[in-house]
């Protein structure tokens, strides 16, 4: 079992191109269903979450492949939220 605090220190890696996407900044949770819908990873360099023109990576839960000890493996295309690879 993982604590939410452990999510923030794990690197998120895209299996399609091996690119490090960053660290998880937020989770989208459905409180009625009790499920995690997506991981949110900020794009680009941000200063305390401000001054970024790029949209965040919103990675649907079904795109999470594996949780490792040091990283989280996902499989996404180059698209932003809502678009399938």
Protein backbone atom coordinates (compact mmCIF):
# COMPACT_ATOMS: atom_id res chain seq x y z
CA UNK A 1 0.00 0.00 0.00
CA UNK A 2 1.23 3.50 -0.85
CA UNK A 3 0.63 6.69 1.08
CA UNK A 4 -0.20 9.80 -0.92
CA UNK A 5 2.97 11.44 0.42
CA UNK A 6 5.01 8.69 -1.28
CA UNK A 7 3.54 9.65 -4.68
CA UNK A 8 5.26 13.06 -4.63
CA UNK A 9 8.79 11.65 -4.46
CA UNK A 10 8.46 9.05 -7.21
CA UNK A 11 9.43 9.97 -10.76
CA UNK A 12 6.75 9.41 -13.38
CA UNK A 13 8.25 7.76 -16.48
CA UNK A 14 6.51 7.35 -19.84
CA UNK A 15 7.15 3.88 -21.26
CA UNK A 16 6.54 5.02 -24.84
CA UNK A 17 9.64 7.20 -25.03
CA UNK A 18 11.41 6.73 -21.68
CA UNK A 19 10.89 10.39 -20.83
CA UNK A 20 10.74 11.54 -17.21
CA UNK A 21 7.49 13.49 -16.92
CA UNK A 22 8.06 14.78 -13.39
CA UNK A 23 6.51 14.09 -10.02
CA UNK A 24 2.85 13.80 -9.10
CA UNK A 25 1.41 17.09 -7.87
CA UNK A 26 -2.19 16.00 -7.46
CA UNK A 27 -4.69 13.17 -7.81
CA UNK A 28 -8.16 13.28 -9.31
CA UNK A 29 -10.38 11.29 -6.98
CA UNK A 30 -14.03 10.30 -7.31
CA UNK A 31 -15.24 10.53 -3.71
CA UNK A 32 -18.61 8.97 -4.44
CA UNK A 33 -17.06 5.88 -6.03
CA UNK A 34 -13.94 5.86 -3.86
CA UNK A 35 -11.59 5.61 -6.84
CA UNK A 36 -8.58 7.47 -8.21
CA UNK A 37 -9.39 8.69 -11.73
CA UNK A 38 -6.08 10.29 -12.74
CA UNK A 39 -2.60 11.42 -11.74
CA UNK A 40 -1.69 15.07 -12.33
CA UNK A 41 1.93 15.88 -13.20
CA UNK A 42 2.92 19.51 -13.90
CA UNK A 43 4.64 20.15 -17.23
CA UNK A 44 7.73 22.28 -17.55
CA UNK A 45 9.43 24.32 -14.87
CA UNK A 46 7.13 25.94 -12.41
CA UNK A 47 7.72 28.24 -9.52
CA UNK A 48 5.31 27.05 -6.84
CA UNK A 49 2.84 26.06 -9.55
CA UNK A 50 2.68 29.54 -11.10
CA UNK A 51 3.86 31.11 -14.34
CA UNK A 52 3.47 28.04 -16.53
CA UNK A 53 1.90 28.22 -19.97
CA UNK A 54 1.92 24.48 -20.47
CA UNK A 55 -0.98 22.29 -19.43
CA UNK A 56 -0.42 19.63 -16.84
CA UNK A 57 -0.17 15.98 -17.76
CA UNK A 58 -3.44 14.43 -16.60
CA UNK A 59 -2.78 10.72 -16.77
CA UNK A 60 -5.90 8.54 -16.61
CA UNK A 61 -5.64 5.76 -14.05
CA UNK A 62 -5.94 3.08 -16.75
CA UNK A 63 -2.66 4.43 -18.26
CA UNK A 64 -0.70 3.65 -15.08
CA UNK A 65 1.28 0.48 -15.78
CA UNK A 66 3.23 -0.13 -12.57
CA UNK A 67 4.30 1.39 -9.29
CA UNK A 68 7.96 0.71 -8.59
CA UNK A 69 10.12 1.52 -5.59
CA UNK A 70 11.61 4.63 -7.27
CA UNK A 71 9.21 5.45 -10.08
CA UNK A 72 5.74 5.14 -11.53
CA UNK A 73 5.53 3.78 -15.07
CA UNK A 74 2.80 5.13 -17.33
CA UNK A 75 1.99 4.80 -21.01
CA UNK A 76 0.78 7.98 -22.66
CA UNK A 77 1.19 9.69 -26.03
CA UNK A 78 2.30 13.29 -26.55
CA UNK A 79 -1.24 14.53 -26.18
CA UNK A 80 -2.66 16.49 -23.28
CA UNK A 81 -5.60 15.49 -21.15
CA UNK A 82 -8.51 13.80 -22.80
CA UNK A 83 -6.73 12.60 -25.94
CA UNK A 84 -5.82 9.01 -26.52
CA UNK A 85 -2.31 8.15 -27.74
